[in-house]
Amino acid sequence: MPSALWIAHVKVLDAEAYGKYAAAAGPAIAAHGGVFLARATRYVQLEGNDRARNVVARFPSLEAAVACYNSEAYQAALSHAKGASERDLVIVEENA
């Protein structure tokens, strides 16, 4: 089964609230086998909306990434990000 990438592009509007999200989201992501590959590192915006926080995590499968997003722990973390950020999130299956 191919692994999957969770790719988020984020504009943080409230750093304190978003920090609570990040602190709680990490353990929820790890519990589903997610491993961060990039997290707010250097980037070059070539097209589209510039959002300074970019996050990429690898999960064992697309299903594991979706299960993480829908989990009680991640949804609790996400409640801190709502209103504290503008986000785009996509999960992409890697080529086998």
N, C-alpha and C. Protein backbone atom coordinates (compact mmCIF):
# COMPACT_ATOMS: atom_id res chain seq x y z
N MET A 1 0.85 -1.18 0.00
CA MET A 1 0.00 0.00 0.00
C MET A 1 0.90 1.24 0.00
N PRO A 2 0.65 2.17 -0.90
CA PRO A 2 1.49 3.38 -0.96
C PRO A 2 1.27 4.29 0.25
N SER A 3 2.32 4.99 0.61
CA SER A 3 2.21 5.98 1.67
C SER A 3 1.51 7.22 1.11
N ALA A 4 1.23 8.17 2.01
CA ALA A 4 0.52 9.39 1.59
C ALA A 4 1.15 10.59 2.26
N LEU A 5 1.07 11.72 1.59
CA LEU A 5 1.58 12.98 2.12
C LEU A 5 0.42 13.88 2.51
N TRP A 6 0.53 14.43 3.70
CA TRP A 6 -0.43 15.41 4.23
C TRP A 6 0.27 16.75 4.03
N ILE A 7 -0.30 17.61 3.21
CA ILE A 7 0.33 18.88 2.84
C ILE A 7 -0.59 20.02 3.26
N ALA A 8 -0.08 20.87 4.14
CA ALA A 8 -0.86 22.01 4.63
C ALA A 8 -0.13 23.30 4.32
N HIS A 9 -0.88 24.29 3.89
CA HIS A 9 -0.37 25.64 3.66
C HIS A 9 -1.19 26.55 4.58
N VAL A 10 -0.50 27.27 5.47
CA VAL A 10 -1.19 27.96 6.55
C VAL A 10 -0.73 29.41 6.68
N LYS A 11 -1.69 30.29 6.88
CA LYS A 11 -1.42 31.67 7.28
C LYS A 11 -1.92 31.78 8.72
N VAL A 12 -1.01 32.00 9.64
CA VAL A 12 -1.36 32.08 11.05
C VAL A 12 -1.86 33.49 11.36
N LEU A 13 -3.04 33.57 11.96
CA LEU A 13 -3.64 34.85 12.33
C LEU A 13 -3.52 35.13 13.82
N ASP A 14 -3.47 34.07 14.62
CA ASP A 14 -3.36 34.18 16.08
C ASP A 14 -2.31 33.16 16.53
N ALA A 15 -1.10 33.63 16.76
CA ALA A 15 0.02 32.73 17.07
C ALA A 15 -0.20 31.94 18.35
N GLU A 16 -0.79 32.54 19.35
CA GLU A 16 -0.99 31.84 20.62
C GLU A 16 -1.96 30.67 20.46
N ALA A 17 -3.10 30.93 19.84
CA ALA A 17 -4.08 29.86 19.62
C ALA A 17 -3.53 28.80 18.68
N TYR A 18 -2.83 29.24 17.64
CA TYR A 18 -2.28 28.27 16.69
C TYR A 18 -1.20 27.41 17.35
N GLY A 19 -0.47 27.98 18.28
CA GLY A 19 0.52 27.22 19.03
C GLY A 19 -0.12 26.08 19.81
N LYS A 20 -1.31 26.32 20.35
CA LYS A 20 -2.05 25.26 21.05
C LYS A 20 -2.43 24.15 20.09
N TYR A 21 -2.85 24.55 18.88
CA TYR A 21 -3.16 23.55 17.84
C TYR A 21 -1.92 22.70 17.55
N ALA A 22 -0.80 23.36 17.28
CA ALA A 22 0.42 22.64 16.89
C ALA A 22 0.87 21.69 17.98
N ALA A 23 0.77 22.11 19.23
CA ALA A 23 1.20 21.26 20.35
C ALA A 23 0.34 20.01 20.46
N ALA A 24 -0.95 20.13 20.18
CA ALA A 24 -1.85 18.98 20.28
C ALA A 24 -1.89 18.15 19.00
N ALA A 25 -1.67 18.78 17.87
CA ALA A 25 -1.75 18.06 16.59
C ALA A 25 -0.60 17.08 16.41
N GLY A 26 0.60 17.46 16.86
CA GLY A 26 1.76 16.59 16.70
C GLY A 26 1.55 15.19 17.24
N PRO A 27 1.13 15.04 18.49
CA PRO A 27 0.89 13.71 19.04
C PRO A 27 -0.23 12.95 18.31
N ALA A 28 -1.27 13.66 17.87
CA ALA A 28 -2.36 13.01 17.14
C ALA A 28 -1.85 12.47 15.80
N ILE A 29 -1.02 13.25 15.14
CA ILE A 29 -0.45 12.82 13.86
C ILE A 29 0.48 11.62 14.07
N ALA A 30 1.33 11.68 15.08
CA ALA A 30 2.25 10.57 15.37
C ALA A 30 1.49 9.29 15.72
N ALA A 31 0.37 9.42 16.42
CA ALA A 31 -0.42 8.25 16.81
C ALA A 31 -0.98 7.50 15.61
N HIS A 32 -1.06 8.16 14.47
CA HIS A 32 -1.56 7.53 13.24
C HIS A 32 -0.42 7.20 12.28
N GLY A 33 0.79 7.21 12.79
CA GLY A 33 1.94 6.85 11.96
C GLY A 33 2.50 7.99 11.15
N GLY A 34 2.04 9.21 11.39
CA GLY A 34 2.52 10.36 10.65
C GLY A 34 3.89 10.81 11.13
N VAL A 35 4.74 11.17 10.16
CA VAL A 35 6.08 11.67 10.44
C VAL A 35 6.26 12.97 9.68
N PHE A 36 6.67 14.03 10.39
CA PHE A 36 6.85 15.32 9.74
C PHE A 36 8.10 15.31 8.86
N LEU A 37 7.95 15.76 7.62
CA LEU A 37 9.06 15.90 6.69
C LEU A 37 9.49 17.36 6.58
N ALA A 38 8.54 18.26 6.72
CA ALA A 38 8.82 19.71 6.68
C ALA A 38 7.79 20.39 7.55
N ARG A 39 8.26 21.38 8.30
CA ARG A 39 7.36 22.08 9.21
C ARG A 39 7.87 23.50 9.38
N ALA A 40 7.27 24.42 8.63
CA ALA A 40 7.61 25.85 8.71
C ALA A 40 9.08 26.11 8.41
N THR A 41 9.62 25.37 7.46
CA THR A 41 11.01 25.57 7.05
C THR A 41 11.07 26.57 5.90
N ARG A 42 12.26 26.84 5.42
CA ARG A 42 12.43 27.76 4.29
C ARG A 42 11.62 27.27 3.09
N TYR A 43 11.13 28.21 2.30
CA TYR A 43 10.35 27.87 1.12
C TYR A 43 10.46 28.99 0.10
N VAL A 44 10.08 28.70 -1.13
CA VAL A 44 9.99 29.69 -2.19
C VAL A 44 8.59 29.56 -2.79
N GLN A 45 7.80 30.62 -2.74
CA GLN A 45 6.46 30.62 -3.30
C GLN A 45 6.55 30.96 -4.78
N LEU A 46 6.18 30.04 -5.64
CA LEU A 46 6.27 30.29 -7.07
C LEU A 46 4.93 30.62 -7.71
N GLU A 47 3.85 30.06 -7.18
CA GLU A 47 2.52 30.32 -7.71
C GLU A 47 1.51 30.26 -6.57
N GLY A 48 0.36 30.87 -6.78
CA GLY A 48 -0.74 30.76 -5.82
C GLY A 48 -0.57 31.64 -4.60
N ASN A 49 -1.36 31.33 -3.59
CA ASN A 49 -1.39 32.11 -2.36
C ASN A 49 -0.17 31.83 -1.50
N ASP A 50 0.48 32.89 -1.05
CA ASP A 50 1.64 32.75 -0.18
C ASP A 50 1.16 32.59 1.26
N ARG A 51 1.48 31.46 1.84
CA ARG A 51 1.18 31.19 3.24
C ARG A 51 2.47 30.71 3.87
N ALA A 52 2.95 31.44 4.84
CA ALA A 52 4.30 31.26 5.35
C ALA A 52 4.54 29.96 6.11
N ARG A 53 3.50 29.29 6.56
CA ARG A 53 3.71 28.03 7.28
C ARG A 53 3.28 26.89 6.36
N ASN A 54 4.23 26.07 6.00
CA ASN A 54 3.99 24.92 5.13
C ASN A 54 4.41 23.67 5.87
N VAL A 55 3.53 22.68 5.88
CA VAL A 55 3.78 21.46 6.63
C VAL A 55 3.56 20.26 5.73
N VAL A 56 4.50 19.32 5.76
CA VAL A 56 4.37 18.06 5.03
C VAL A 56 4.64 16.94 6.01
N ALA A 57 3.71 16.00 6.07
CA ALA A 57 3.88 14.81 6.90
C ALA A 57 3.61 13.58 6.05
N ARG A 58 4.35 12.52 6.30
CA ARG A 58 4.13 11.25 5.58
C ARG A 58 3.39 10.29 6.50
N PHE A 59 2.37 9.66 5.96
CA PHE A 59 1.59 8.64 6.68
C PHE A 59 1.76 7.31 5.97
N PRO A 60 1.53 6.21 6.68
CA PRO A 60 1.69 4.89 6.06
C PRO A 60 0.74 4.65 4.88
N SER A 61 -0.39 5.35 4.87
CA SER A 61 -1.37 5.17 3.79
C SER A 61 -2.30 6.39 3.76
N LEU A 62 -3.01 6.51 2.67
CA LEU A 62 -4.03 7.56 2.54
C LEU A 62 -5.09 7.37 3.62
N GLU A 63 -5.45 6.12 3.86
CA GLU A 63 -6.48 5.82 4.86
C GLU A 63 -6.03 6.24 6.27
N ALA A 64 -4.76 6.02 6.59
CA ALA A 64 -4.24 6.41 7.90
C ALA A 64 -4.27 7.93 8.06
N ALA A 65 -3.95 8.66 7.00
CA ALA A 65 -3.97 10.12 7.06
C ALA A 65 -5.39 10.64 7.25
N VAL A 66 -6.34 10.07 6.54
CA VAL A 66 -7.74 10.49 6.67
C VAL A 66 -8.26 10.12 8.06
N ALA A 67 -7.89 8.93 8.55
CA ALA A 67 -8.31 8.53 9.90
C ALA A 67 -7.75 9.49 10.94
N CYS A 68 -6.53 9.94 10.75
CA CYS A 68 -5.93 10.92 11.66
C CYS A 68 -6.76 12.19 11.66
N TYR A 69 -7.05 12.71 10.49
CA TYR A 69 -7.81 13.96 10.39
C TYR A 69 -9.15 13.83 11.10
N ASN A 70 -9.81 12.70 10.95
CA ASN A 70 -11.14 12.50 11.51
C ASN A 70 -11.11 12.06 12.98
N SER A 71 -9.93 11.81 13.52
CA SER A 71 -9.84 11.31 14.89
C SER A 71 -10.26 12.36 15.90
N GLU A 72 -10.71 11.89 17.05
CA GLU A 72 -11.13 12.78 18.13
C GLU A 72 -9.97 13.67 18.58
N ALA A 73 -8.77 13.10 18.68
CA ALA A 73 -7.61 13.87 19.14
C ALA A 73 -7.25 14.98 18.16
N TYR A 74 -7.25 14.68 16.85
CA TYR A 74 -6.90 15.71 15.88
C TYR A 74 -7.99 16.77 15.80
N GLN A 75 -9.24 16.37 15.85
CA GLN A 75 -10.33 17.35 15.79
C GLN A 75 -10.30 18.28 17.00
N ALA A 76 -9.91 17.75 18.16
CA ALA A 76 -9.76 18.60 19.35
C ALA A 76 -8.65 19.61 19.12
N ALA A 77 -7.54 19.16 18.55
CA ALA A 77 -6.44 20.08 18.23
C ALA A 77 -6.89 21.12 17.22
N LEU A 78 -7.59 20.68 16.20
CA LEU A 78 -8.02 21.56 15.11
C LEU A 78 -8.94 22.68 15.61
N SER A 79 -9.64 22.44 16.69
CA SER A 79 -10.52 23.48 17.21
C SER A 79 -9.74 24.75 17.58
N HIS A 80 -8.46 24.61 17.91
CA HIS A 80 -7.62 25.76 18.23
C HIS A 80 -7.19 26.52 16.97
N ALA A 81 -7.12 25.83 15.84
CA ALA A 81 -6.67 26.45 14.58
C ALA A 81 -7.79 27.22 13.90
N LYS A 82 -9.03 26.79 14.14
CA LYS A 82 -10.17 27.46 13.50
C LYS A 82 -10.27 28.89 14.03
N GLY A 83 -10.29 29.85 13.14
CA GLY A 83 -10.32 31.24 13.52
C GLY A 83 -8.94 31.81 13.80
N ALA A 84 -7.96 30.93 14.03
CA ALA A 84 -6.59 31.36 14.31
C ALA A 84 -5.71 31.25 13.07
N SER A 85 -6.29 30.74 11.97
CA SER A 85 -5.49 30.52 10.77
C SER A 85 -6.38 30.43 9.54
N GLU A 86 -5.75 30.62 8.39
CA GLU A 86 -6.36 30.30 7.09
C GLU A 86 -5.54 29.14 6.58
N ARG A 87 -6.20 28.04 6.23
CA ARG A 87 -5.47 26.80 5.91
C ARG A 87 -6.02 26.15 4.65
N ASP A 88 -5.12 25.52 3.94
CA ASP A 88 -5.46 24.57 2.89
C ASP A 88 -4.79 23.28 3.29
N LEU A 89 -5.49 22.17 3.19
CA LEU A 89 -4.93 20.87 3.54
C LEU A 89 -5.34 19.87 2.49
N VAL A 90 -4.37 19.13 1.97
CA VAL A 90 -4.64 18.08 1.00
C VAL A 90 -3.83 16.85 1.40
N ILE A 91 -4.39 15.69 1.15
CA ILE A 91 -3.68 14.44 1.37
C ILE A 91 -3.49 13.80 0.00
N VAL A 92 -2.26 13.48 -0.33
CA VAL A 92 -1.92 12.97 -1.65
C VAL A 92 -1.22 11.62 -1.50
N GLU A 93 -1.73 10.62 -2.19
CA GLU A 93 -1.09 9.31 -2.17
C GLU A 93 0.19 9.36 -3.00
N GLU A 94 1.25 8.79 -2.45
CA GLU A 94 2.53 8.75 -3.19
C GLU A 94 2.49 7.65 -4.23
N ASN A 95 3.30 7.81 -5.26
CA ASN A 95 3.40 6.77 -6.28
C ASN A 95 4.02 5.53 -5.65
N ALA A 96 3.49 4.40 -6.00
CA ALA A 96 4.00 3.14 -5.44
C ALA A 96 5.31 2.76 -6.07
